[in-house]
PDB file of N, CA and C in Angstrom:
ATOM      1  N   MET A   1       0.850  -1.327  -0.115  1.00  0.00           N
ATOM      2  CA  MET A   1       0.041   0.001  -0.050  1.00  0.00           C
ATOM      3  C   MET A   1       0.774   1.247  -0.101  1.00  0.00           C
ATOM      4  N   LYS A   2       0.822   2.123  -0.981  1.00  0.00           N
ATOM      5  CA  LYS A   2       1.309   3.179  -1.030  1.00  0.00           C
ATOM      6  C   LYS A   2       0.692   4.359  -0.340  1.00  0.00           C
ATOM      7  N   ILE A   3       1.595   5.224   0.623  1.00  0.00           N
ATOM      8  CA  ILE A   3       1.008   6.006   1.282  1.00  0.00           C
ATOM      9  C   ILE A   3       1.191   7.600   0.408  1.00  0.00           C
ATOM     10  N   SER A   4       0.468   8.426   0.492  1.00  0.00           N
ATOM     11  CA  SER A   4       0.229   9.810  -0.399  1.00  0.00           C
ATOM     12  C   SER A   4       1.211  10.677   0.481  1.00  0.00           C
ATOM     13  N   GLU A   5       1.957  11.496  -0.541  1.00  0.00           N
ATOM     14  CA  GLU A   5       2.990  12.583   0.339  1.00  0.00           C
ATOM     15  C   GLU A   5       2.109  13.384   1.259  1.00  0.00           C
ATOM     16  N   GLU A   6       1.001  13.884   1.064  1.00  0.00           N
ATOM     17  CA  GLU A   6       0.107  14.429   2.383  1.00  0.00           C
ATOM     18  C   GLU A   6       0.061  13.794   3.374  1.00  0.00           C
ATOM     19  N   ASP A   7      -0.268  12.389   3.515  1.00  0.00           N
ATOM     20  CA  ASP A   7      -0.482  11.771   4.695  1.00  0.00           C
ATOM     21  C   ASP A   7       0.840  11.279   5.046  1.00  0.00           C
ATOM     22  N   LEU A   8       1.897  11.385   4.630  1.00  0.00           N
ATOM     23  CA  LEU A   8       3.080  11.044   5.046  1.00  0.00           C
ATOM     24  C   LEU A   8       3.324  12.487   5.565  1.00  0.00           C
ATOM     25  N   SER A   9       3.163  13.694   5.328  1.00  0.00           N
ATOM     26  CA  SER A   9       3.974  14.801   5.806  1.00  0.00           C
ATOM     27  C   SER A   9       2.821  15.087   7.265  1.00  0.00           C
ATOM     28  N   THR A  10       1.701  14.599   7.080  1.00  0.00           N
ATOM     29  CA  THR A  10       0.676  14.864   8.238  1.00  0.00           C
ATOM     30  C   THR A  10       1.340  13.843   9.078  1.00  0.00           C
ATOM     31  N   GLU A  11       1.719  12.494   8.965  1.00  0.00           N
ATOM     32  CA  GLU A  11       2.221  11.594   9.942  1.00  0.00           C
ATOM     33  C   GLU A  11       3.260  12.174  10.758  1.00  0.00           C
ATOM     34  N   ILE A  12       4.450  12.723   9.950  1.00  0.00           N
ATOM     35  CA  ILE A  12       5.538  13.144  10.295  1.00  0.00           C
ATOM     36  C   ILE A  12       5.501  14.392  11.392  1.00  0.00           C
ATOM     37  N   ILE A  13       4.127  15.270  10.820  1.00  0.00           N
ATOM     38  CA  ILE A  13       4.121  16.484  11.942  1.00  0.00           C
ATOM     39  C   ILE A  13       3.331  15.783  13.071  1.00  0.00           C
ATOM     40  N   GLU A  14       2.498  14.945  13.080  1.00  0.00           N
ATOM     41  CA  GLU A  14       1.886  14.243  14.465  1.00  0.00           C
ATOM     42  C   GLU A  14       3.285  13.672  15.271  1.00  0.00           C
ATOM     43  N   GLN A  15       4.047  12.877  14.709  1.00  0.00           N
ATOM     44  CA  GLN A  15       5.169  12.690  15.525  1.00  0.00           C
ATOM     45  C   GLN A  15       5.791  13.881  15.981  1.00  0.00           C
ATOM     46  N   LEU A  16       6.242  14.680  15.093  1.00  0.00           N
ATOM     47  CA  LEU A  16       6.872  16.054  15.874  1.00  0.00           C
ATOM     48  C   LEU A  16       6.102  16.604  16.879  1.00  0.00           C
ATOM     49  N   VAL A  17       5.062  16.899  16.833  1.00  0.00           N
ATOM     50  CA  VAL A  17       3.893  17.179  17.725  1.00  0.00           C
ATOM     51  C   VAL A  17       4.085  16.481  19.206  1.00  0.00           C
ATOM     52  N   ASN A  18       4.100  15.078  19.130  1.00  0.00           N
ATOM     53  CA  ASN A  18       3.989  14.232  20.076  1.00  0.00           C
ATOM     54  C   ASN A  18       5.492  14.316  20.769  1.00  0.00           C
ATOM     55  N   MET A  19       6.671  14.748  20.170  1.00  0.00           N
ATOM     56  CA  MET A  19       7.818  14.502  20.794  1.00  0.00           C
ATOM     57  C   MET A  19       7.985  16.003  21.217  1.00  0.00           C
ATOM     58  N   VAL A  20       7.566  17.368  20.532  1.00  0.00           N
ATOM     59  CA  VAL A  20       7.699  18.589  21.553  1.00  0.00           C
ATOM     60  C   VAL A  20       6.595  19.370  21.640  1.00  0.00           C
ATOM     61  N   GLY A  21       5.504  18.740  21.344  1.00  0.00           N
ATOM     62  CA  GLY A  21       4.147  19.502  21.661  1.00  0.00           C
ATOM     63  C   GLY A  21       3.471  20.551  20.468  1.00  0.00           C
ATOM     64  N   GLU A  22       2.486  21.044  20.752  1.00  0.00           N
ATOM     65  CA  GLU A  22       1.684  21.770  19.946  1.00  0.00           C
ATOM     66  C   GLU A  22       2.491  23.226  19.730  1.00  0.00           C
ATOM     67  N   PHE A  23       3.266  23.674  20.882  1.00  0.00           N
ATOM     68  CA  PHE A  23       4.171  24.753  20.675  1.00  0.00           C
ATOM     69  C   PHE A  23       5.315  24.490  21.214  1.00  0.00           C
ATOM     70  N   THR A  24       6.373  24.996  20.910  1.00  0.00           N
ATOM     71  CA  THR A  24       7.763  24.705  21.362  1.00  0.00           C
ATOM     72  C   THR A  24       8.782  25.973  21.264  1.00  0.00           C
ATOM     73  N   ASN A  25      10.065  25.965  21.610  1.00  0.00           N
ATOM     74  CA  ASN A  25      10.714  26.986  21.559  1.00  0.00           C
ATOM     75  C   ASN A  25      11.790  26.652  20.433  1.00  0.00           C
ATOM     76  N   VAL A  26      12.669  27.583  19.930  1.00  0.00           N
ATOM     77  CA  VAL A  26      13.816  27.637  18.956  1.00  0.00           C
ATOM     78  C   VAL A  26      14.775  26.446  19.583  1.00  0.00           C
ATOM     79  N   ASN A  27      14.992  26.543  20.791  1.00  0.00           N
ATOM     80  CA  ASN A  27      16.169  25.527  21.095  1.00  0.00           C
ATOM     81  C   ASN A  27      15.835  24.150  20.829  1.00  0.00           C
ATOM     82  N   ASP A  28      14.521  23.888  21.599  1.00  0.00           N
ATOM     83  CA  ASP A  28      14.308  22.538  21.503  1.00  0.00           C
ATOM     84  C   ASP A  28      14.076  22.007  20.063  1.00  0.00           C
ATOM     85  N   LEU A  29      13.450  22.954  19.421  1.00  0.00           N
ATOM     86  CA  LEU A  29      12.657  22.620  17.988  1.00  0.00           C
ATOM     87  C   LEU A  29      14.340  22.311  16.970  1.00  0.00           C
ATOM     88  N   ALA A  30      15.360  23.112  17.241  1.00  0.00           N
ATOM     89  CA  ALA A  30      16.831  22.948  16.427  1.00  0.00           C
ATOM     90  C   ALA A  30      17.041  21.533  16.868  1.00  0.00           C
ATOM     91  N   GLU A  31      17.378  21.239  18.135  1.00  0.00           N
ATOM     92  CA  GLU A  31      17.672  20.115  18.593  1.00  0.00           C
ATOM     93  C   GLU A  31      17.084  18.830  18.165  1.00  0.00           C
ATOM     94  N   THR A  32      15.664  18.991  18.261  1.00  0.00           N
ATOM     95  CA  THR A  32      14.947  17.958  17.788  1.00  0.00           C
ATOM     96  C   THR A  32      15.187  17.457  16.267  1.00  0.00           C
ATOM     97  N   LEU A  33      15.177  18.566  15.276  1.00  0.00           N
ATOM     98  CA  LEU A  33      15.344  18.516  14.167  1.00  0.00           C
ATOM     99  C   LEU A  33      16.969  18.200  13.742  1.00  0.00           C
ATOM    100  N   ASN A  34      17.729  18.532  14.452  1.00  0.00           N
ATOM    101  CA  ASN A  34      19.085  18.314  14.540  1.00  0.00           C
ATOM    102  C   ASN A  34      19.707  19.532  13.164  1.00  0.00           C
ATOM    103  N   VAL A  35      19.027  20.604  13.715  1.00  0.00           N
ATOM    104  CA  VAL A  35      19.780  21.726  12.904  1.00  0.00           C
ATOM    105  C   VAL A  35      20.151  23.093  13.611  1.00  0.00           C
ATOM    106  N   SER A  36      20.476  24.096  13.366  1.00  0.00           N
ATOM    107  CA  SER A  36      20.870  25.032  14.253  1.00  0.00           C
ATOM    108  C   SER A  36      19.928  25.942  14.543  1.00  0.00           C
ATOM    109  N   ARG A  37      19.923  26.810  15.699  1.00  0.00           N
ATOM    110  CA  ARG A  37      19.083  27.698  16.203  1.00  0.00           C
ATOM    111  C   ARG A  37      19.030  28.795  15.116  1.00  0.00           C
ATOM    112  N   THR A  38      20.139  29.067  14.441  1.00  0.00           N
ATOM    113  CA  THR A  38      20.058  30.117  13.190  1.00  0.00           C
ATOM    114  C   THR A  38      19.072  29.713  12.244  1.00  0.00           C
ATOM    115  N   THR A  39      18.934  28.513  12.043  1.00  0.00           N
ATOM    116  CA  THR A  39      18.381  27.992  10.537  1.00  0.00           C
ATOM    117  C   THR A  39      16.981  28.181  11.176  1.00  0.00           C
ATOM    118  N   ILE A  40      16.248  27.704  12.255  1.00  0.00           N
ATOM    119  CA  ILE A  40      15.112  27.795  12.610  1.00  0.00           C
ATOM    120  C   ILE A  40      14.936  29.219  12.758  1.00  0.00           C
ATOM    121  N   SER A  41      15.388  30.277  13.241  1.00  0.00           N
ATOM    122  CA  SER A  41      15.452  31.438  13.122  1.00  0.00           C
ATOM    123  C   SER A  41      15.296  32.183  12.099  1.00  0.00           C
ATOM    124  N   ARG A  42      16.138  31.924  11.036  1.00  0.00           N
ATOM    125  CA  ARG A  42      16.043  32.192   9.507  1.00  0.00           C
ATOM    126  C   ARG A  42      14.708  32.013   8.868  1.00  0.00           C
ATOM    127  N   LYS A  43      14.170  30.724   9.241  1.00  0.00           N
ATOM    128  CA  LYS A  43      12.994  30.050   8.482  1.00  0.00           C
ATOM    129  C   LYS A  43      11.590  31.175   9.187  1.00  0.00           C
ATOM    130  N   ILE A  44      11.896  31.271  10.513  1.00  0.00           N
ATOM    131  CA  ILE A  44      10.828  32.181  11.030  1.00  0.00           C
ATOM    132  C   ILE A  44      10.765  33.604  10.403  1.00  0.00           C
ATOM    133  N   GLU A  45      12.121  34.138  10.315  1.00  0.00           N
ATOM    134  CA  GLU A  45      11.897  35.377   9.843  1.00  0.00           C
ATOM    135  C   GLU A  45      11.291  35.549   7.945  1.00  0.00           C
ATOM    136  N   GLU A  46      11.677  34.554   7.511  1.00  0.00           N
ATOM    137  CA  GLU A  46      11.136  34.420   6.007  1.00  0.00           C
ATOM    138  C   GLU A  46       9.975  34.101   6.258  1.00  0.00           C
ATOM    139  N   GLY A  47       9.045  33.494   7.079  1.00  0.00           N
ATOM    140  CA  GLY A  47       7.571  33.368   7.558  1.00  0.00           C
ATOM    141  C   GLY A  47       7.320  31.867   7.300  1.00  0.00           C
ATOM    142  N   GLU A  48       8.288  31.137   6.886  1.00  0.00           N
ATOM    143  CA  GLU A  48       8.074  29.768   6.471  1.00  0.00           C
ATOM    144  C   GLU A  48       7.620  28.981   7.709  1.00  0.00           C
ATOM    145  N   ILE A  49       8.193  29.350   8.889  1.00  0.00           N
ATOM    146  CA  ILE A  49       7.635  28.916  10.119  1.00  0.00           C
ATOM    147  C   ILE A  49       6.875  30.040  11.284  1.00  0.00           C
ATOM    148  N   VAL A  50       5.767  29.734  11.628  1.00  0.00           N
ATOM    149  CA  VAL A  50       4.720  30.487  12.665  1.00  0.00           C
ATOM    150  C   VAL A  50       5.452  30.719  13.897  1.00  0.00           C
ATOM    151  N   ALA A  51       5.679  31.733  14.396  1.00  0.00           N
ATOM    152  CA  ALA A  51       6.102  31.979  15.668  1.00  0.00           C
ATOM    153  C   ALA A  51       5.666  33.095  16.308  1.00  0.00           C
ATOM    154  N   PHE A  52       5.502  33.223  17.656  1.00  0.00           N
ATOM    155  CA  PHE A  52       4.901  34.301  18.555  1.00  0.00           C
ATOM    156  C   PHE A  52       6.331  34.829  19.527  1.00  0.00           C
ATOM    157  N   HIS A  53       6.496  36.145  19.620  1.00  0.00           N
ATOM    158  CA  HIS A  53       7.239  36.418  20.518  1.00  0.00           C
ATOM    159  C   HIS A  53       6.899  37.106  21.645  1.00  0.00           C
ATOM    160  N   PHE A  54       7.299  36.821  22.899  1.00  0.00           N
ATOM    161  CA  PHE A  54       6.450  37.034  24.207  1.00  0.00           C
ATOM    162  C   PHE A  54       7.874  37.557  24.745  1.00  0.00           C
ATOM    163  N   GLY A  55       8.190  38.905  24.909  1.00  0.00           N
ATOM    164  CA  GLY A  55       9.227  39.514  25.356  1.00  0.00           C
ATOM    165  C   GLY A  55      10.601  38.864  24.532  1.00  0.00           C
ATOM    166  N   SER A  56      11.571  38.108  25.384  1.00  0.00           N
ATOM    167  CA  SER A  56      12.794  37.711  24.836  1.00  0.00           C
ATOM    168  C   SER A  56      12.556  36.348  24.233  1.00  0.00           C
ATOM    169  N   ARG A  57      10.944  35.639  24.598  1.00  0.00           N
ATOM    170  CA  ARG A  57      10.886  34.372  24.193  1.00  0.00           C
ATOM    171  C   ARG A  57      10.330  34.218  23.000  1.00  0.00           C
ATOM    172  N   VAL A  58      10.392  33.225  21.978  1.00  0.00           N
ATOM    173  CA  VAL A  58       9.950  33.006  20.975  1.00  0.00           C
ATOM    174  C   VAL A  58       9.302  31.526  20.699  1.00  0.00           C
ATOM    175  N   ILE A  59       8.026  31.416  20.617  1.00  0.00           N
ATOM    176  CA  ILE A  59       7.115  30.436  20.722  1.00  0.00           C
ATOM    177  C   ILE A  59       6.870  29.790  19.228  1.00  0.00           C
ATOM    178  N   VAL A  60       7.422  28.798  18.512  1.00  0.00           N
ATOM    179  CA  VAL A  60       6.937  28.349  17.618  1.00  0.00           C
ATOM    180  C   VAL A  60       5.577  27.560  17.521  1.00  0.00           C
ATOM    181  N   VAL A  61       4.785  27.740  16.680  1.00  0.00           N
ATOM    182  CA  VAL A  61       3.898  26.592  16.115  1.00  0.00           C
ATOM    183  C   VAL A  61       4.281  25.359  15.535  1.00  0.00           C
ATOM    184  N   THR A  62       4.500  24.426  16.158  1.00  0.00           N
ATOM    185  CA  THR A  62       4.953  23.298  15.449  1.00  0.00           C
ATOM    186  C   THR A  62       4.081  22.671  14.070  1.00  0.00           C
ATOM    187  N   ARG A  63       3.012  22.981  14.239  1.00  0.00           N
ATOM    188  CA  ARG A  63       2.305  22.421  12.720  1.00  0.00           C
ATOM    189  C   ARG A  63       2.829  23.331  11.717  1.00  0.00           C
ATOM    190  N   SER A  64       2.926  24.677  11.892  1.00  0.00           N
ATOM    191  CA  SER A  64       3.471  25.335  10.874  1.00  0.00           C
ATOM    192  C   SER A  64       4.822  24.745  10.050  1.00  0.00           C
ATOM    193  N   LEU A  65       5.503  23.900  10.491  1.00  0.00           N
ATOM    194  CA  LEU A  65       6.495  23.396   9.992  1.00  0.00           C
ATOM    195  C   LEU A  65       5.962  22.144   8.680  1.00  0.00           C
ATOM    196  N   GLN A  66       4.756  22.153   8.604  1.00  0.00           N
ATOM    197  CA  GLN A  66       4.040  21.232   7.567  1.00  0.00           C
ATOM    198  C   GLN A  66       4.462  21.424   6.282  1.00  0.00           C
ATOM    199  N   GLY A  67       4.411  22.958   5.979  1.00  0.00           N
ATOM    200  CA  GLY A  67       4.850  23.084   4.537  1.00  0.00           C
ATOM    201  C   GLY A  67       6.425  22.927   4.211  1.00  0.00           C
ATOM    202  N   ILE A  68       7.111  23.218   5.143  1.00  0.00           N
ATOM    203  CA  ILE A  68       8.558  22.813   4.960  1.00  0.00           C
ATOM    204  C   ILE A  68       8.852  20.987   4.982  1.00  0.00           C
ATOM    205  N   ILE A  69       8.275  20.417   5.582  1.00  0.00           N
ATOM    206  CA  ILE A  69       8.155  18.933   5.353  1.00  0.00           C
ATOM    207  C   ILE A  69       7.866  18.585   4.095  1.00  0.00           C
ATOM    208  N   GLU A  70       6.602  19.378   3.678  1.00  0.00           N
ATOM    209  CA  GLU A  70       6.169  18.568   2.070  1.00  0.00           C
ATOM    210  C   GLU A  70       7.214  19.279   1.036  1.00  0.00           C
ATOM    211  N   LYS A  71       8.014  20.148   1.121  1.00  0.00           N
ATOM    212  CA  LYS A  71       8.822  20.601   0.320  1.00  0.00           C
ATOM    213  C   LYS A  71       9.713  19.327   0.093  1.00  0.00           C
ATOM    214  N   PHE A  72      10.266  18.806   1.208  1.00  0.00           N
ATOM    215  CA  PHE A  72      11.221  17.781   1.083  1.00  0.00           C
ATOM    216  C   PHE A  72      10.951  16.422   0.884  1.00  0.00           C
ATOM    217  N   LEU A  73       9.572  16.231   0.548  1.00  0.00           N
ATOM    218  CA  LEU A  73       9.320  14.882   0.272  1.00  0.00           C
ATOM    219  C   LEU A  73       8.951  14.860  -1.162  1.00  0.00           C
TER     220      LEU A  73
END
């Protein structure tokens, strides 16, 4: 049985949400994805990742990574 790219990206997002939660911070997300904090911050600035700023804290909406994941499938 072949899984569609959309179903695969949804499954990956669900697993990521289970790992880091619906909302996470830049440090935890970077560590989980094995990328630099700079990479995450750049994607936030470019609008590819949705995040909210609370003072000095940046809270990332984990599900907003679905578009990035779909690019790589």
